[in-house]
Amino acid sequence: MAHRVRPADDRLERRTLPMDAGAQAAISDAIAIATKRRSSGVVPVHLLHALTRSKTGAVADIITRHGGRVEGLNTMLERGL
């Protein structure tokens, strides 16, 4: 198996994917949530919480359209963080 794994110093060149302002804001919010809670890193639940904190955002709209309650989700997320 060792012959199939690239050494750490043998990195692949990758293009950087551009982020729009909304994506950058969501990631910044997730980092702020993780920092405020003194987490050791940013995990998907931080990003989910950042995406659902705004009641007028696209994610909140999708959740509401499918019968979910954004406020209830945020309460559960805050307890879990």
PDB file of N, CA and C in Angstrom:
ATOM      1  N   MET A   1       0.817  -1.188   0.000  1.00  0.00           N
ATOM      2  CA  MET A   1       0.000   0.000   0.000  1.00  0.00           C
ATOM      3  C   MET A   1       0.862   1.254   0.000  1.00  0.00           C
ATOM      4  N   ALA A   2       2.023   1.214   0.579  1.00  0.00           N
ATOM      5  CA  ALA A   2       2.883   2.387   0.664  1.00  0.00           C
ATOM      6  C   ALA A   2       3.228   2.942  -0.711  1.00  0.00           C
ATOM      7  N   HIS A   3       3.292   2.094  -1.715  1.00  0.00           N
ATOM      8  CA  HIS A   3       3.623   2.581  -3.056  1.00  0.00           C
ATOM      9  C   HIS A   3       2.469   3.369  -3.685  1.00  0.00           C
ATOM     10  N   ARG A   4       1.275   3.296  -3.107  1.00  0.00           N
ATOM     11  CA  ARG A   4       0.108   4.003  -3.648  1.00  0.00           C
ATOM     12  C   ARG A   4      -0.147   5.341  -2.949  1.00  0.00           C
ATOM     13  N   VAL A   5       0.545   5.616  -1.874  1.00  0.00           N
ATOM     14  CA  VAL A   5       0.335   6.841  -1.109  1.00  0.00           C
ATOM     15  C   VAL A   5       1.463   7.817  -1.436  1.00  0.00           C
ATOM     16  N   ARG A   6       1.094   9.060  -1.755  1.00  0.00           N
ATOM     17  CA  ARG A   6       2.108  10.070  -2.088  1.00  0.00           C
ATOM     18  C   ARG A   6       2.773  10.563  -0.802  1.00  0.00           C
ATOM     19  N   PRO A   7       4.084  10.760  -0.831  1.00  0.00           N
ATOM     20  CA  PRO A   7       4.762  11.337   0.338  1.00  0.00           C
ATOM     21  C   PRO A   7       4.234  12.746   0.615  1.00  0.00           C
ATOM     22  N   ALA A   8       4.317  13.178   1.852  1.00  0.00           N
ATOM     23  CA  ALA A   8       3.778  14.481   2.247  1.00  0.00           C
ATOM     24  C   ALA A   8       4.421  15.632   1.483  1.00  0.00           C
ATOM     25  N   ASP A   9       5.684  15.489   1.106  1.00  0.00           N
ATOM     26  CA  ASP A   9       6.362  16.576   0.398  1.00  0.00           C
ATOM     27  C   ASP A   9       6.119  16.546  -1.116  1.00  0.00           C
ATOM     28  N   ASP A  10       5.401  15.558  -1.621  1.00  0.00           N
ATOM     29  CA  ASP A  10       5.090  15.437  -3.036  1.00  0.00           C
ATOM     30  C   ASP A  10       3.645  15.900  -3.254  1.00  0.00           C
ATOM     31  N   ARG A  11       3.461  17.213  -3.310  1.00  0.00           N
ATOM     32  CA  ARG A  11       2.127  17.789  -3.383  1.00  0.00           C
ATOM     33  C   ARG A  11       1.671  17.936  -4.833  1.00  0.00           C
ATOM     34  N   LEU A  12       0.387  17.772  -5.050  1.00  0.00           N
ATOM     35  CA  LEU A  12      -0.209  17.998  -6.361  1.00  0.00           C
ATOM     36  C   LEU A  12      -0.535  19.478  -6.508  1.00  0.00           C
ATOM     37  N   GLU A  13      -0.303  20.018  -7.683  1.00  0.00           N
ATOM     38  CA  GLU A  13      -0.681  21.399  -7.958  1.00  0.00           C
ATOM     39  C   GLU A  13      -2.184  21.444  -8.209  1.00  0.00           C
ATOM     40  N   ARG A  14      -2.877  22.345  -7.540  1.00  0.00           N
ATOM     41  CA  ARG A  14      -4.318  22.483  -7.694  1.00  0.00           C
ATOM     42  C   ARG A  14      -4.667  23.939  -7.898  1.00  0.00           C
ATOM     43  N   ARG A  15      -5.653  24.159  -8.731  1.00  0.00           N
ATOM     44  CA  ARG A  15      -6.137  25.520  -8.912  1.00  0.00           C
ATOM     45  C   ARG A  15      -6.962  25.913  -7.696  1.00  0.00           C
ATOM     46  N   THR A  16      -6.951  27.172  -7.381  1.00  0.00           N
ATOM     47  CA  THR A  16      -7.765  27.695  -6.291  1.00  0.00           C
ATOM     48  C   THR A  16      -9.153  28.005  -6.823  1.00  0.00           C
ATOM     49  N   LEU A  17     -10.159  27.525  -6.136  1.00  0.00           N
ATOM     50  CA  LEU A  17     -11.530  27.809  -6.533  1.00  0.00           C
ATOM     51  C   LEU A  17     -11.951  29.155  -5.950  1.00  0.00           C
ATOM     52  N   PRO A  18     -12.492  30.033  -6.775  1.00  0.00           N
ATOM     53  CA  PRO A  18     -12.920  31.340  -6.259  1.00  0.00           C
ATOM     54  C   PRO A  18     -14.183  31.201  -5.416  1.00  0.00           C
ATOM     55  N   MET A  19     -14.300  32.049  -4.413  1.00  0.00           N
ATOM     56  CA  MET A  19     -15.504  32.070  -3.579  1.00  0.00           C
ATOM     57  C   MET A  19     -16.192  33.417  -3.760  1.00  0.00           C
ATOM     58  N   ASP A  20     -17.514  33.374  -3.815  1.00  0.00           N
ATOM     59  CA  ASP A  20     -18.223  34.640  -3.881  1.00  0.00           C
ATOM     60  C   ASP A  20     -18.313  35.233  -2.475  1.00  0.00           C
ATOM     61  N   ALA A  21     -18.831  36.432  -2.392  1.00  0.00           N
ATOM     62  CA  ALA A  21     -18.884  37.143  -1.110  1.00  0.00           C
ATOM     63  C   ALA A  21     -19.729  36.405  -0.076  1.00  0.00           C
ATOM     64  N   GLY A  22     -20.826  35.790  -0.520  1.00  0.00           N
ATOM     65  CA  GLY A  22     -21.689  35.059   0.411  1.00  0.00           C
ATOM     66  C   GLY A  22     -20.996  33.852   1.013  1.00  0.00           C
ATOM     67  N   ALA A  23     -20.272  33.113   0.186  1.00  0.00           N
ATOM     68  CA  ALA A  23     -19.541  31.942   0.683  1.00  0.00           C
ATOM     69  C   ALA A  23     -18.447  32.366   1.652  1.00  0.00           C
ATOM     70  N   GLN A  24     -17.729  33.421   1.308  1.00  0.00           N
ATOM     71  CA  GLN A  24     -16.670  33.917   2.191  1.00  0.00           C
ATOM     72  C   GLN A  24     -17.248  34.388   3.520  1.00  0.00           C
ATOM     73  N   ALA A  25     -18.406  35.046   3.476  1.00  0.00           N
ATOM     74  CA  ALA A  25     -19.043  35.519   4.711  1.00  0.00           C
ATOM     75  C   ALA A  25     -19.471  34.343   5.586  1.00  0.00           C
ATOM     76  N   ALA A  26     -20.018  33.298   4.970  1.00  0.00           N
ATOM     77  CA  ALA A  26     -20.445  32.121   5.744  1.00  0.00           C
ATOM     78  C   ALA A  26     -19.248  31.449   6.409  1.00  0.00           C
ATOM     79  N   ILE A  27     -18.152  31.342   5.707  1.00  0.00           N
ATOM     80  CA  ILE A  27     -16.957  30.726   6.292  1.00  0.00           C
ATOM     81  C   ILE A  27     -16.404  31.603   7.411  1.00  0.00           C
ATOM     82  N   SER A  28     -16.386  32.915   7.193  1.00  0.00           N
ATOM     83  CA  SER A  28     -15.927  33.823   8.252  1.00  0.00           C
ATOM     84  C   SER A  28     -16.810  33.725   9.489  1.00  0.00           C
ATOM     85  N   ASP A  29     -18.121  33.629   9.280  1.00  0.00           N
ATOM     86  CA  ASP A  29     -19.044  33.471  10.414  1.00  0.00           C
ATOM     87  C   ASP A  29     -18.797  32.151  11.143  1.00  0.00           C
ATOM     88  N   ALA A  30     -18.564  31.075  10.394  1.00  0.00           N
ATOM     89  CA  ALA A  30     -18.288  29.767  11.010  1.00  0.00           C
ATOM     90  C   ALA A  30     -17.012  29.827  11.843  1.00  0.00           C
ATOM     91  N   ILE A  31     -15.998  30.504  11.334  1.00  0.00           N
ATOM     92  CA  ILE A  31     -14.745  30.662  12.084  1.00  0.00           C
ATOM     93  C   ILE A  31     -14.998  31.461  13.356  1.00  0.00           C
ATOM     94  N   ALA A  32     -15.809  32.517  13.257  1.00  0.00           N
ATOM     95  CA  ALA A  32     -16.121  33.334  14.439  1.00  0.00           C
ATOM     96  C   ALA A  32     -16.884  32.526  15.491  1.00  0.00           C
ATOM     97  N   ILE A  33     -17.814  31.683  15.037  1.00  0.00           N
ATOM     98  CA  ILE A  33     -18.572  30.836  15.973  1.00  0.00           C
ATOM     99  C   ILE A  33     -17.627  29.871  16.677  1.00  0.00           C
ATOM    100  N   ALA A  34     -16.746  29.233  15.915  1.00  0.00           N
ATOM    101  CA  ALA A  34     -15.792  28.281  16.505  1.00  0.00           C
ATOM    102  C   ALA A  34     -14.850  28.984  17.475  1.00  0.00           C
ATOM    103  N   THR A  35     -14.399  30.170  17.110  1.00  0.00           N
ATOM    104  CA  THR A  35     -13.489  30.931  17.974  1.00  0.00           C
ATOM    105  C   THR A  35     -14.182  31.349  19.255  1.00  0.00           C
ATOM    106  N   LYS A  36     -15.424  31.831  19.136  1.00  0.00           N
ATOM    107  CA  LYS A  36     -16.192  32.261  20.311  1.00  0.00           C
ATOM    108  C   LYS A  36     -16.390  31.107  21.294  1.00  0.00           C
ATOM    109  N   ARG A  37     -16.572  29.914  20.763  1.00  0.00           N
ATOM    110  CA  ARG A  37     -16.808  28.743  21.615  1.00  0.00           C
ATOM    111  C   ARG A  37     -15.510  28.021  21.982  1.00  0.00           C
ATOM    112  N   ARG A  38     -14.398  28.622  21.614  1.00  0.00           N
ATOM    113  CA  ARG A  38     -13.061  28.080  21.909  1.00  0.00           C
ATOM    114  C   ARG A  38     -12.888  26.653  21.392  1.00  0.00           C
ATOM    115  N   SER A  39     -13.421  26.393  20.215  1.00  0.00           N
ATOM    116  CA  SER A  39     -13.267  25.076  19.583  1.00  0.00           C
ATOM    117  C   SER A  39     -11.858  24.948  19.037  1.00  0.00           C
ATOM    118  N   SER A  40     -11.397  23.732  18.920  1.00  0.00           N
ATOM    119  CA  SER A  40     -10.043  23.512  18.403  1.00  0.00           C
ATOM    120  C   SER A  40      -9.975  23.654  16.887  1.00  0.00           C
ATOM    121  N   GLY A  41     -11.133  23.695  16.243  1.00  0.00           N
ATOM    122  CA  GLY A  41     -11.169  23.854  14.792  1.00  0.00           C
ATOM    123  C   GLY A  41     -12.585  24.126  14.340  1.00  0.00           C
ATOM    124  N   VAL A  42     -12.714  24.417  13.060  1.00  0.00           N
ATOM    125  CA  VAL A  42     -14.026  24.662  12.474  1.00  0.00           C
ATOM    126  C   VAL A  42     -14.519  23.355  11.876  1.00  0.00           C
ATOM    127  N   VAL A  43     -15.711  22.943  12.257  1.00  0.00           N
ATOM    128  CA  VAL A  43     -16.296  21.693  11.766  1.00  0.00           C
ATOM    129  C   VAL A  43     -17.604  22.025  11.036  1.00  0.00           C
ATOM    130  N   PRO A  44     -18.159  21.081  10.284  1.00  0.00           N
ATOM    131  CA  PRO A  44     -19.373  21.364   9.510  1.00  0.00           C
ATOM    132  C   PRO A  44     -20.531  21.943  10.320  1.00  0.00           C
ATOM    133  N   VAL A  45     -20.671  21.566  11.574  1.00  0.00           N
ATOM    134  CA  VAL A  45     -21.784  22.100  12.375  1.00  0.00           C
ATOM    135  C   VAL A  45     -21.626  23.611  12.578  1.00  0.00           C
ATOM    136  N   HIS A  46     -20.397  24.107  12.644  1.00  0.00           N
ATOM    137  CA  HIS A  46     -20.183  25.556  12.742  1.00  0.00           C
ATOM    138  C   HIS A  46     -20.669  26.244  11.465  1.00  0.00           C
ATOM    139  N   LEU A  47     -20.372  25.651  10.330  1.00  0.00           N
ATOM    140  CA  LEU A  47     -20.814  26.225   9.057  1.00  0.00           C
ATOM    141  C   LEU A  47     -22.338  26.173   8.933  1.00  0.00           C
ATOM    142  N   LEU A  48     -22.936  25.072   9.340  1.00  0.00           N
ATOM    143  CA  LEU A  48     -24.396  24.962   9.299  1.00  0.00           C
ATOM    144  C   LEU A  48     -25.034  26.027  10.179  1.00  0.00           C
ATOM    145  N   HIS A  49     -24.479  26.212  11.359  1.00  0.00           N
ATOM    146  CA  HIS A  49     -25.018  27.229  12.263  1.00  0.00           C
ATOM    147  C   HIS A  49     -24.869  28.619  11.644  1.00  0.00           C
ATOM    148  N   ALA A  50     -23.736  28.888  11.018  1.00  0.00           N
ATOM    149  CA  ALA A  50     -23.529  30.184  10.362  1.00  0.00           C
ATOM    150  C   ALA A  50     -24.527  30.393   9.226  1.00  0.00           C
ATOM    151  N   LEU A  51     -24.798  29.343   8.478  1.00  0.00           N
ATOM    152  CA  LEU A  51     -25.713  29.448   7.337  1.00  0.00           C
ATOM    153  C   LEU A  51     -27.173  29.610   7.746  1.00  0.00           C
ATOM    154  N   THR A  52     -27.524  29.166   8.941  1.00  0.00           N
ATOM    155  CA  THR A  52     -28.930  29.220   9.360  1.00  0.00           C
ATOM    156  C   THR A  52     -29.231  30.343  10.350  1.00  0.00           C
ATOM    157  N   ARG A  53     -28.232  31.098  10.741  1.00  0.00           N
ATOM    158  CA  ARG A  53     -28.496  32.171  11.710  1.00  0.00           C
ATOM    159  C   ARG A  53     -29.343  33.290  11.114  1.00  0.00           C
ATOM    160  N   SER A  54     -29.217  33.513   9.817  1.00  0.00           N
ATOM    161  CA  SER A  54     -30.027  34.536   9.164  1.00  0.00           C
ATOM    162  C   SER A  54     -31.370  33.936   8.769  1.00  0.00           C
ATOM    163  N   LYS A  55     -32.440  34.556   9.217  1.00  0.00           N
ATOM    164  CA  LYS A  55     -33.777  34.043   8.904  1.00  0.00           C
ATOM    165  C   LYS A  55     -34.164  34.320   7.452  1.00  0.00           C
ATOM    166  N   THR A  56     -33.414  35.183   6.773  1.00  0.00           N
ATOM    167  CA  THR A  56     -33.748  35.547   5.403  1.00  0.00           C
ATOM    168  C   THR A  56     -32.792  34.930   4.377  1.00  0.00           C
ATOM    169  N   GLY A  57     -31.865  34.127   4.790  1.00  0.00           N
ATOM    170  CA  GLY A  57     -30.906  33.536   3.869  1.00  0.00           C
ATOM    171  C   GLY A  57     -31.484  32.369   3.079  1.00  0.00           C
ATOM    172  N   ALA A  58     -30.743  31.951   2.074  1.00  0.00           N
ATOM    173  CA  ALA A  58     -31.186  30.863   1.198  1.00  0.00           C
ATOM    174  C   ALA A  58     -31.344  29.548   1.954  1.00  0.00           C
ATOM    175  N   VAL A  59     -30.437  29.256   2.866  1.00  0.00           N
ATOM    176  CA  VAL A  59     -30.505  27.996   3.604  1.00  0.00           C
ATOM    177  C   VAL A  59     -31.727  27.982   4.516  1.00  0.00           C
ATOM    178  N   ALA A  60     -31.965  29.076   5.200  1.00  0.00           N
ATOM    179  CA  ALA A  60     -33.155  29.170   6.061  1.00  0.00           C
ATOM    180  C   ALA A  60     -34.423  29.036   5.229  1.00  0.00           C
ATOM    181  N   ASP A  61     -34.428  29.612   4.040  1.00  0.00           N
ATOM    182  CA  ASP A  61     -35.583  29.514   3.152  1.00  0.00           C
ATOM    183  C   ASP A  61     -35.838  28.064   2.733  1.00  0.00           C
ATOM    184  N   ILE A  62     -34.803  27.346   2.396  1.00  0.00           N
ATOM    185  CA  ILE A  62     -34.940  25.929   2.000  1.00  0.00           C
ATOM    186  C   ILE A  62     -35.487  25.101   3.158  1.00  0.00           C
ATOM    187  N   ILE A  63     -34.943  25.323   4.340  1.00  0.00           N
ATOM    188  CA  ILE A  63     -35.399  24.572   5.523  1.00  0.00           C
ATOM    189  C   ILE A  63     -36.872  24.850   5.794  1.00  0.00           C
ATOM    190  N   THR A  64     -37.257  26.109   5.722  1.00  0.00           N
ATOM    191  CA  THR A  64     -38.648  26.495   5.977  1.00  0.00           C
ATOM    192  C   THR A  64     -39.586  25.924   4.919  1.00  0.00           C
ATOM    193  N   ARG A  65     -39.175  25.997   3.648  1.00  0.00           N
ATOM    194  CA  ARG A  65     -40.021  25.474   2.568  1.00  0.00           C
ATOM    195  C   ARG A  65     -40.286  23.981   2.702  1.00  0.00           C
ATOM    196  N   HIS A  66     -39.388  23.281   3.356  1.00  0.00           N
ATOM    197  CA  HIS A  66     -39.542  21.837   3.506  1.00  0.00           C
ATOM    198  C   HIS A  66     -40.059  21.446   4.892  1.00  0.00           C
ATOM    199  N   GLY A  67     -40.657  22.414   5.570  1.00  0.00           N
ATOM    200  CA  GLY A  67     -41.338  22.113   6.817  1.00  0.00           C
ATOM    201  C   GLY A  67     -40.480  22.191   8.070  1.00  0.00           C
ATOM    202  N   GLY A  68     -39.248  22.622   7.945  1.00  0.00           N
ATOM    203  CA  GLY A  68     -38.374  22.723   9.116  1.00  0.00           C
ATOM    204  C   GLY A  68     -38.525  24.060   9.816  1.00  0.00           C
ATOM    205  N   ARG A  69     -38.035  24.114  11.027  1.00  0.00           N
ATOM    206  CA  ARG A  69     -38.046  25.353  11.814  1.00  0.00           C
ATOM    207  C   ARG A  69     -36.612  25.777  12.062  1.00  0.00           C
ATOM    208  N   VAL A  70     -36.233  26.904  11.488  1.00  0.00           N
ATOM    209  CA  VAL A  70     -34.857  27.396  11.611  1.00  0.00           C
ATOM    210  C   VAL A  70     -34.520  27.695  13.069  1.00  0.00           C
ATOM    211  N   GLU A  71     -35.468  28.272  13.792  1.00  0.00           N
ATOM    212  CA  GLU A  71     -35.210  28.607  15.195  1.00  0.00           C
ATOM    213  C   GLU A  71     -34.923  27.350  16.012  1.00  0.00           C
ATOM    214  N   GLY A  72     -35.712  26.310  15.773  1.00  0.00           N
ATOM    215  CA  GLY A  72     -35.497  25.045  16.481  1.00  0.00           C
ATOM    216  C   GLY A  72     -34.159  24.420  16.130  1.00  0.00           C
ATOM    217  N   LEU A  73     -33.801  24.479  14.862  1.00  0.00           N
ATOM    218  CA  LEU A  73     -32.508  23.953  14.429  1.00  0.00           C
ATOM    219  C   LEU A  73     -31.378  24.712  15.099  1.00  0.00           C
ATOM    220  N   ASN A  74     -31.475  26.022  15.122  1.00  0.00           N
ATOM    221  CA  ASN A  74     -30.421  26.820  15.751  1.00  0.00           C
ATOM    222  C   ASN A  74     -30.318  26.551  17.251  1.00  0.00           C
ATOM    223  N   THR A  75     -31.439  26.335  17.895  1.00  0.00           N
ATOM    224  CA  THR A  75     -31.406  25.991  19.324  1.00  0.00           C
ATOM    225  C   THR A  75     -30.651  24.683  19.535  1.00  0.00           C
ATOM    226  N   MET A  76     -30.956  23.692  18.708  1.00  0.00           N
ATOM    227  CA  MET A  76     -30.251  22.401  18.819  1.00  0.00           C
ATOM    228  C   MET A  76     -28.761  22.558  18.497  1.00  0.00           C
ATOM    229  N   LEU A  77     -28.441  23.348  17.490  1.00  0.00           N
ATOM    230  CA  LEU A  77     -27.040  23.555  17.137  1.00  0.00           C
ATOM    231  C   LEU A  77     -26.286  24.233  18.268  1.00  0.00           C
ATOM    232  N   GLU A  78     -26.888  25.235  18.877  1.00  0.00           N
ATOM    233  CA  GLU A  78     -26.230  25.939  19.982  1.00  0.00           C
ATOM    234  C   GLU A  78     -25.988  25.004  21.167  1.00  0.00           C
ATOM    235  N   ARG A  79     -26.925  24.108  21.429  1.00  0.00           N
ATOM    236  CA  ARG A  79     -26.733  23.138  22.524  1.00  0.00           C
ATOM    237  C   ARG A  79     -25.604  22.166  22.185  1.00  0.00           C
ATOM    238  N   GLY A  80     -25.528  21.779  20.911  1.00  0.00           N
ATOM    239  CA  GLY A  80     -24.511  20.817  20.483  1.00  0.00           C
ATOM    240  C   GLY A  80     -23.113  21.375  20.388  1.00  0.00           C
ATOM    241  N   LEU A  81     -23.015  22.702  20.230  1.00  0.00           N
ATOM    242  CA  LEU A  81     -21.702  23.316  20.136  1.00  0.00           C
ATOM    243  C   LEU A  81     -21.168  23.517  21.519  1.00  0.00           C
TER     244      LEU A  81
END
